[in-house]
Amino acid sequence: MTESYIEIPDNSKGYNLDMFCVPKHYEQYLDSVLIPHGVISDRTERLARNIVKDMGEDELVVLCVLKGGYKFCADLLDYIKALNRNSERSIRMSVDFIRLKSYENDKSSGDIRVIGIDSLSTLAGKNVLIVEDIVDTGRTMKKLLKVVNENSPKSVQVCSLLVKRGKNEYRPAYIGFEVPDKFVVGYALDYNEYFRDLNHICIINDEGKKKFAV
């Protein structure tokens, strides 16, 4: 398995908001569109193809990390299901959910809370694919992997839509985009529960951080 991803350079300013459809109630709180929705969709489809190729016909438990991962996970599963219908190789899948809490405003609190792990004992002997929205420092993912591995799965792989560059303690097997160390929102990624309803992944500005701070 070869790690591959789309690298977005540190000096990338993204795309002007005027070039895309962005909800009016968010326009003044965003700097730019970093990754348009169409690019996200195409990259997600390719990740699905890679996963099906690597996993073969093994049964797979998809562990979706809520809340930010729900949109990416749903779209990824749709592409995998399409491949199951239209190719000779297919994967039997089940889906479970977990929620992690590590951010306050735009900073990691360092206090990682894991919610909803009562059913993880069912992962014993299974191939597990953890689907995450973003890996920042990687500390949160390392804690989750520790919890998952305590339940004796057959194998564990991680698929993350985004990975922040430069300070990772963990690199997933499947990566959509490697992005600069900026706080991004949209496509279900939030800032204190706001911005999940953006289709694109955008860079929040200082006014937005102030407006929606807790």
C-alpha atoms as a PDB file:
ATOM      1  CA  MET A   1       0.000   0.000   0.000  1.00  0.00           C
ATOM      2  CA  THR A   2       1.603   3.277  -1.155  1.00  0.00           C
ATOM      3  CA  GLU A   3       0.679   6.506   0.595  1.00  0.00           C
ATOM      4  CA  SER A   4      -0.697   8.984  -1.905  1.00  0.00           C
ATOM      5  CA  TYR A   5      -2.492  12.281  -1.496  1.00  0.00           C
ATOM      6  CA  ILE A   6      -3.058  15.680  -3.060  1.00  0.00           C
ATOM      7  CA  GLU A   7      -0.730  18.261  -1.529  1.00  0.00           C
ATOM      8  CA  ILE A   8      -2.027  21.789  -1.112  1.00  0.00           C
ATOM      9  CA  PRO A   9       1.011  24.110  -0.718  1.00  0.00           C
ATOM     10  CA  ASP A  10       1.521  26.347   2.302  1.00  0.00           C
ATOM     11  CA  ASN A  11       1.372  29.434   0.093  1.00  0.00           C
ATOM     12  CA  SER A  12      -1.957  28.478  -1.438  1.00  0.00           C
ATOM     13  CA  LYS A  13      -4.503  31.254  -0.991  1.00  0.00           C
ATOM     14  CA  GLY A  14      -7.364  29.088  -2.177  1.00  0.00           C
ATOM     15  CA  TYR A  15     -10.110  30.373  -4.441  1.00  0.00           C
ATOM     16  CA  ASN A  16     -12.065  33.600  -4.254  1.00  0.00           C
ATOM     17  CA  LEU A  17     -15.440  33.139  -2.557  1.00  0.00           C
ATOM     18  CA  ASP A  18     -17.106  34.900  -5.492  1.00  0.00           C
ATOM     19  CA  MET A  19     -16.211  31.947  -7.732  1.00  0.00           C
ATOM     20  CA  PHE A  20     -18.430  29.514  -5.773  1.00  0.00           C
ATOM     21  CA  CYS A  21     -21.817  29.277  -4.092  1.00  0.00           C
ATOM     22  CA  VAL A  22     -21.332  29.989  -0.389  1.00  0.00           C
ATOM     23  CA  PRO A  23     -24.194  30.647   2.066  1.00  0.00           C
ATOM     24  CA  LYS A  24     -24.641  34.383   2.597  1.00  0.00           C
ATOM     25  CA  HIS A  25     -24.613  33.978   6.374  1.00  0.00           C
ATOM     26  CA  TYR A  26     -21.007  32.757   6.225  1.00  0.00           C
ATOM     27  CA  GLU A  27     -19.448  34.880   3.474  1.00  0.00           C
ATOM     28  CA  GLN A  28     -17.969  37.586   5.725  1.00  0.00           C
ATOM     29  CA  TYR A  29     -16.426  34.995   8.039  1.00  0.00           C
ATOM     30  CA  LEU A  30     -14.364  33.135   5.427  1.00  0.00           C
ATOM     31  CA  ASP A  31     -11.075  33.975   3.718  1.00  0.00           C
ATOM     32  CA  SER A  32     -11.329  31.642   0.744  1.00  0.00           C
ATOM     33  CA  VAL A  33     -12.396  28.269  -0.629  1.00  0.00           C
ATOM     34  CA  LEU A  34      -9.455  25.922  -0.078  1.00  0.00           C
ATOM     35  CA  ILE A  35     -10.920  22.761  -1.663  1.00  0.00           C
ATOM     36  CA  PRO A  36     -14.035  22.962  -3.868  1.00  0.00           C
ATOM     37  CA  HIS A  37     -16.749  20.354  -3.369  1.00  0.00           C
ATOM     38  CA  GLY A  38     -16.243  18.804  -6.795  1.00  0.00           C
ATOM     39  CA  VAL A  39     -12.567  18.152  -6.091  1.00  0.00           C
ATOM     40  CA  ILE A  40     -13.496  16.583  -2.741  1.00  0.00           C
ATOM     41  CA  SER A  41     -15.972  14.279  -4.488  1.00  0.00           C
ATOM     42  CA  ASP A  42     -13.526  13.124  -7.155  1.00  0.00           C
ATOM     43  CA  ARG A  43     -10.786  12.473  -4.609  1.00  0.00           C
ATOM     44  CA  THR A  44     -13.223  10.559  -2.372  1.00  0.00           C
ATOM     45  CA  GLU A  45     -14.196   8.352  -5.306  1.00  0.00           C
ATOM     46  CA  ARG A  46     -10.536   7.514  -5.898  1.00  0.00           C
ATOM     47  CA  LEU A  47     -10.015   6.679  -2.221  1.00  0.00           C
ATOM     48  CA  ALA A  48     -12.997   4.318  -2.414  1.00  0.00           C
ATOM     49  CA  ARG A  49     -11.442   2.569  -5.398  1.00  0.00           C
ATOM     50  CA  ASN A  50      -8.121   2.192  -3.573  1.00  0.00           C
ATOM     51  CA  ILE A  51      -9.833   0.751  -0.494  1.00  0.00           C
ATOM     52  CA  VAL A  52     -11.783  -1.814  -2.521  1.00  0.00           C
ATOM     53  CA  LYS A  53      -8.604  -2.812  -4.378  1.00  0.00           C
ATOM     54  CA  ASP A  54      -6.612  -3.242  -1.152  1.00  0.00           C
ATOM     55  CA  MET A  55      -9.307  -4.926   0.914  1.00  0.00           C
ATOM     56  CA  GLY A  56     -10.390  -7.404  -1.738  1.00  0.00           C
ATOM     57  CA  GLU A  57     -13.410  -9.393  -0.599  1.00  0.00           C
ATOM     58  CA  ASP A  58     -12.717  -9.199   3.123  1.00  0.00           C
ATOM     59  CA  GLU A  59     -15.531  -8.159   5.432  1.00  0.00           C
ATOM     60  CA  LEU A  60     -15.040  -4.614   6.651  1.00  0.00           C
ATOM     61  CA  VAL A  61     -16.300  -2.687   9.680  1.00  0.00           C
ATOM     62  CA  VAL A  62     -16.329   1.035   8.930  1.00  0.00           C
ATOM     63  CA  LEU A  63     -15.917   3.117  12.069  1.00  0.00           C
ATOM     64  CA  CYS A  64     -17.104   6.659  11.365  1.00  0.00           C
ATOM     65  CA  VAL A  65     -15.704   9.389  13.622  1.00  0.00           C
ATOM     66  CA  LEU A  66     -18.477  11.856  14.437  1.00  0.00           C
ATOM     67  CA  LYS A  67     -19.358  14.588  14.011  1.00  0.00           C
ATOM     68  CA  GLY A  68     -16.955  15.955  11.422  1.00  0.00           C
ATOM     69  CA  GLY A  69     -16.482  12.688   9.570  1.00  0.00           C
ATOM     70  CA  TYR A  70     -20.128  11.971   8.812  1.00  0.00           C
ATOM     71  CA  LYS A  71     -20.275  13.649   5.383  1.00  0.00           C
ATOM     72  CA  PHE A  72     -16.980  12.231   4.152  1.00  0.00           C
ATOM     73  CA  CYS A  73     -17.871   8.787   5.467  1.00  0.00           C
ATOM     74  CA  ALA A  74     -21.305   8.808   3.850  1.00  0.00           C
ATOM     75  CA  ASP A  75     -19.898   9.838   0.480  1.00  0.00           C
ATOM     76  CA  LEU A  76     -17.041   7.338   0.720  1.00  0.00           C
ATOM     77  CA  LEU A  77     -19.488   4.523   1.479  1.00  0.00           C
ATOM     78  CA  ASP A  78     -21.678   5.554  -1.454  1.00  0.00           C
ATOM     79  CA  TYR A  79     -18.706   5.219  -3.790  1.00  0.00           C
ATOM     80  CA  ILE A  80     -17.737   1.854  -2.290  1.00  0.00           C
ATOM     81  CA  LYS A  81     -21.333   0.624  -2.689  1.00  0.00           C
ATOM     82  CA  ALA A  82     -21.276   1.730  -6.336  1.00  0.00           C
ATOM     83  CA  LEU A  83     -18.082  -0.252  -6.875  1.00  0.00           C
ATOM     84  CA  ASN A  84     -19.663  -3.250  -5.148  1.00  0.00           C
ATOM     85  CA  ARG A  85     -22.524  -3.122  -7.637  1.00  0.00           C
ATOM     86  CA  ASN A  86     -20.402  -2.670 -10.734  1.00  0.00           C
ATOM     87  CA  SER A  87     -17.239  -4.723 -10.307  1.00  0.00           C
ATOM     88  CA  GLU A  88     -16.209  -8.340  -9.808  1.00  0.00           C
ATOM     89  CA  ARG A  89     -14.708  -7.573  -6.380  1.00  0.00           C
ATOM     90  CA  SER A  90     -16.875  -6.366  -3.534  1.00  0.00           C
ATOM     91  CA  ILE A  91     -16.627  -5.749   0.189  1.00  0.00           C
ATOM     92  CA  ARG A  92     -19.191  -6.742   2.789  1.00  0.00           C
ATOM     93  CA  MET A  93     -19.546  -3.776   5.098  1.00  0.00           C
ATOM     94  CA  SER A  94     -21.070  -2.777   8.410  1.00  0.00           C
ATOM     95  CA  VAL A  95     -20.899   0.667   9.994  1.00  0.00           C
ATOM     96  CA  ASP A  96     -20.392   1.810  13.564  1.00  0.00           C
ATOM     97  CA  PHE A  97     -19.886   5.276  15.058  1.00  0.00           C
ATOM     98  CA  ILE A  98     -17.673   6.959  17.612  1.00  0.00           C
ATOM     99  CA  ARG A  99     -17.334  10.551  18.753  1.00  0.00           C
ATOM    100  CA  LEU A 100     -14.178  12.295  19.956  1.00  0.00           C
ATOM    101  CA  LYS A 101     -13.858  15.687  21.612  1.00  0.00           C
ATOM    102  CA  SER A 102     -10.540  17.534  21.634  1.00  0.00           C
ATOM    103  CA  TYR A 103     -11.111  21.121  20.395  1.00  0.00           C
ATOM    104  CA  GLU A 104     -12.111  24.322  22.145  1.00  0.00           C
ATOM    105  CA  ASN A 105     -12.535  27.139  19.602  1.00  0.00           C
ATOM    106  CA  ASP A 106      -9.582  26.635  17.190  1.00  0.00           C
ATOM    107  CA  LYS A 107      -7.181  25.037  19.707  1.00  0.00           C
ATOM    108  CA  SER A 108      -6.736  21.446  20.765  1.00  0.00           C
ATOM    109  CA  SER A 109      -7.526  21.245  24.477  1.00  0.00           C
ATOM    110  CA  GLY A 110      -5.244  18.256  24.984  1.00  0.00           C
ATOM    111  CA  ASP A 111      -8.053  16.568  26.950  1.00  0.00           C
ATOM    112  CA  ILE A 112      -9.413  13.970  24.518  1.00  0.00           C
ATOM    113  CA  ARG A 113     -12.788  12.506  25.379  1.00  0.00           C
ATOM    114  CA  VAL A 114     -13.982   9.320  23.656  1.00  0.00           C
ATOM    115  CA  ILE A 115     -17.763   8.926  23.505  1.00  0.00           C
ATOM    116  CA  GLY A 116     -19.854   5.967  22.416  1.00  0.00           C
ATOM    117  CA  ILE A 117     -17.396   3.086  22.666  1.00  0.00           C
ATOM    118  CA  ASP A 118     -19.634   0.536  24.396  1.00  0.00           C
ATOM    119  CA  SER A 119     -20.043  -1.597  21.288  1.00  0.00           C
ATOM    120  CA  LEU A 120     -16.403  -1.740  20.202  1.00  0.00           C
ATOM    121  CA  SER A 121     -16.058  -5.267  21.585  1.00  0.00           C
ATOM    122  CA  THR A 122     -17.805  -6.351  18.371  1.00  0.00           C
ATOM    123  CA  LEU A 123     -14.639  -5.383  16.474  1.00  0.00           C
ATOM    124  CA  ALA A 124     -12.808  -8.487  17.714  1.00  0.00           C
ATOM    125  CA  GLY A 125     -11.384 -10.421  14.768  1.00  0.00           C
ATOM    126  CA  LYS A 126     -12.700  -7.890  12.205  1.00  0.00           C
ATOM    127  CA  ASN A 127     -10.990  -5.715   9.608  1.00  0.00           C
ATOM    128  CA  VAL A 128     -11.634  -2.120  10.678  1.00  0.00           C
ATOM    129  CA  LEU A 129     -11.512   1.064   8.613  1.00  0.00           C
ATOM    130  CA  ILE A 130     -11.625   4.247  10.697  1.00  0.00           C
ATOM    131  CA  VAL A 131     -12.976   7.178   8.671  1.00  0.00           C
ATOM    132  CA  GLU A 132     -11.995  10.621   9.948  1.00  0.00           C
ATOM    133  CA  ASP A 133     -12.421  14.163   8.653  1.00  0.00           C
ATOM    134  CA  ILE A 134      -8.993  15.534   9.614  1.00  0.00           C
ATOM    135  CA  VAL A 135      -5.784  14.410  11.326  1.00  0.00           C
ATOM    136  CA  ASP A 136      -4.096  17.404  12.948  1.00  0.00           C
ATOM    137  CA  THR A 137      -1.341  16.493  15.404  1.00  0.00           C
ATOM    138  CA  GLY A 138      -2.355  12.835  15.277  1.00  0.00           C
ATOM    139  CA  ARG A 139      -2.612  12.540  19.065  1.00  0.00           C
ATOM    140  CA  THR A 140      -6.381  12.096  18.938  1.00  0.00           C
ATOM    141  CA  MET A 141      -6.085   9.340  16.343  1.00  0.00           C
ATOM    142  CA  LYS A 142      -3.359   7.547  18.312  1.00  0.00           C
ATOM    143  CA  LYS A 143      -5.660   7.500  21.349  1.00  0.00           C
ATOM    144  CA  LEU A 144      -8.535   6.130  19.278  1.00  0.00           C
ATOM    145  CA  LEU A 145      -6.301   3.459  17.750  1.00  0.00           C
ATOM    146  CA  LYS A 146      -5.236   2.401  21.229  1.00  0.00           C
ATOM    147  CA  VAL A 147      -8.893   2.004  22.248  1.00  0.00           C
ATOM    148  CA  VAL A 148      -9.761   0.096  19.075  1.00  0.00           C
ATOM    149  CA  ASN A 149      -6.759  -2.239  19.329  1.00  0.00           C
ATOM    150  CA  GLU A 150      -7.713  -3.102  22.914  1.00  0.00           C
ATOM    151  CA  ASN A 151     -10.710  -4.862  21.341  1.00  0.00           C
ATOM    152  CA  SER A 152      -8.496  -7.240  19.278  1.00  0.00           C
ATOM    153  CA  PRO A 153      -9.496  -6.459  15.681  1.00  0.00           C
ATOM    154  CA  LYS A 154      -7.910  -8.458  12.862  1.00  0.00           C
ATOM    155  CA  SER A 155      -6.574  -5.272  11.239  1.00  0.00           C
ATOM    156  CA  VAL A 156      -7.048  -1.502  11.490  1.00  0.00           C
ATOM    157  CA  GLN A 157      -6.564   1.112   8.786  1.00  0.00           C
ATOM    158  CA  VAL A 158      -7.404   4.824   8.825  1.00  0.00           C
ATOM    159  CA  CYS A 159      -8.830   6.919   6.012  1.00  0.00           C
ATOM    160  CA  SER A 160      -8.749  10.689   6.601  1.00  0.00           C
ATOM    161  CA  LEU A 161     -10.000  13.314   4.191  1.00  0.00           C
ATOM    162  CA  LEU A 162      -7.425  15.838   5.425  1.00  0.00           C
ATOM    163  CA  VAL A 163      -4.042  15.726   7.109  1.00  0.00           C
ATOM    164  CA  LYS A 164      -2.397  18.894   8.386  1.00  0.00           C
ATOM    165  CA  ARG A 165       1.203  19.228   7.362  1.00  0.00           C
ATOM    166  CA  GLY A 166       4.230  19.539   9.587  1.00  0.00           C
ATOM    167  CA  LYS A 167       3.319  18.289  13.052  1.00  0.00           C
ATOM    168  CA  ASN A 168       1.877  14.821  12.607  1.00  0.00           C
ATOM    169  CA  GLU A 169       2.512  12.055  15.087  1.00  0.00           C
ATOM    170  CA  TYR A 170       0.424   9.715  12.913  1.00  0.00           C
ATOM    171  CA  ARG A 171      -0.086   9.303   9.149  1.00  0.00           C
ATOM    172  CA  PRO A 172      -3.174   7.414   7.897  1.00  0.00           C
ATOM    173  CA  ALA A 173      -2.965   4.738   5.228  1.00  0.00           C
ATOM    174  CA  TYR A 174      -5.497   6.631   3.097  1.00  0.00           C
ATOM    175  CA  ILE A 175      -5.286  10.424   2.782  1.00  0.00           C
ATOM    176  CA  GLY A 176      -7.372  12.737   0.651  1.00  0.00           C
ATOM    177  CA  PHE A 177      -5.464  15.997   0.941  1.00  0.00           C
ATOM    178  CA  GLU A 178      -2.440  17.249   2.853  1.00  0.00           C
ATOM    179  CA  VAL A 179      -3.247  20.844   3.812  1.00  0.00           C
ATOM    180  CA  PRO A 180      -1.411  23.801   5.403  1.00  0.00           C
ATOM    181  CA  ASP A 181      -1.612  24.377   9.148  1.00  0.00           C
ATOM    182  CA  LYS A 182      -4.704  26.570   8.944  1.00  0.00           C
ATOM    183  CA  PHE A 183      -8.095  26.158  10.586  1.00  0.00           C
ATOM    184  CA  VAL A 184     -10.507  24.904   7.945  1.00  0.00           C
ATOM    185  CA  VAL A 185     -14.274  24.486   7.997  1.00  0.00           C
ATOM    186  CA  GLY A 186     -17.016  23.121   5.767  1.00  0.00           C
ATOM    187  CA  TYR A 187     -18.004  19.713   4.373  1.00  0.00           C
ATOM    188  CA  ALA A 188     -19.058  18.848   7.957  1.00  0.00           C
ATOM    189  CA  LEU A 189     -15.879  20.254   9.557  1.00  0.00           C
ATOM    190  CA  ASP A 190     -16.983  22.773  12.159  1.00  0.00           C
ATOM    191  CA  TYR A 191     -15.944  25.702  14.302  1.00  0.00           C
ATOM    192  CA  ASN A 192     -17.933  25.302  17.528  1.00  0.00           C
ATOM    193  CA  GLU A 193     -20.674  23.485  15.575  1.00  0.00           C
ATOM    194  CA  TYR A 194     -20.954  26.177  12.872  1.00  0.00           C
ATOM    195  CA  PHE A 195     -19.990  25.866   9.180  1.00  0.00           C
ATOM    196  CA  ARG A 196     -20.886  22.162   8.861  1.00  0.00           C
ATOM    197  CA  ASP A 197     -23.426  23.163   6.181  1.00  0.00           C
ATOM    198  CA  LEU A 198     -20.777  24.439   3.739  1.00  0.00           C
ATOM    199  CA  ASN A 199     -20.257  22.227   0.686  1.00  0.00           C
ATOM    200  CA  HIS A 200     -16.659  23.364   0.192  1.00  0.00           C
ATOM    201  CA  ILE A 201     -13.707  23.251   2.585  1.00  0.00           C
ATOM    202  CA  CYS A 202     -12.886  26.854   3.421  1.00  0.00           C
ATOM    203  CA  ILE A 203     -10.444  28.843   5.536  1.00  0.00           C
ATOM    204  CA  ILE A 204     -12.141  30.698   8.384  1.00  0.00           C
ATOM    205  CA  ASN A 205     -10.999  34.274   9.028  1.00  0.00           C
ATOM    206  CA  ASP A 206     -10.324  36.043  12.335  1.00  0.00           C
ATOM    207  CA  GLU A 207     -13.745  37.699  12.285  1.00  0.00           C
ATOM    208  CA  GLY A 208     -15.354  34.272  12.009  1.00  0.00           C
ATOM    209  CA  LYS A 209     -13.322  32.883  14.897  1.00  0.00           C
ATOM    210  CA  LYS A 210     -14.396  35.829  17.030  1.00  0.00           C
ATOM    211  CA  LYS A 211     -18.043  35.691  15.976  1.00  0.00           C
ATOM    212  CA  PHE A 212     -18.523  31.979  16.711  1.00  0.00           C
ATOM    213  CA  ALA A 213     -16.207  31.587  19.718  1.00  0.00           C
ATOM    214  CA  VAL A 214     -17.665  29.999  22.849  1.00  0.00           C
END
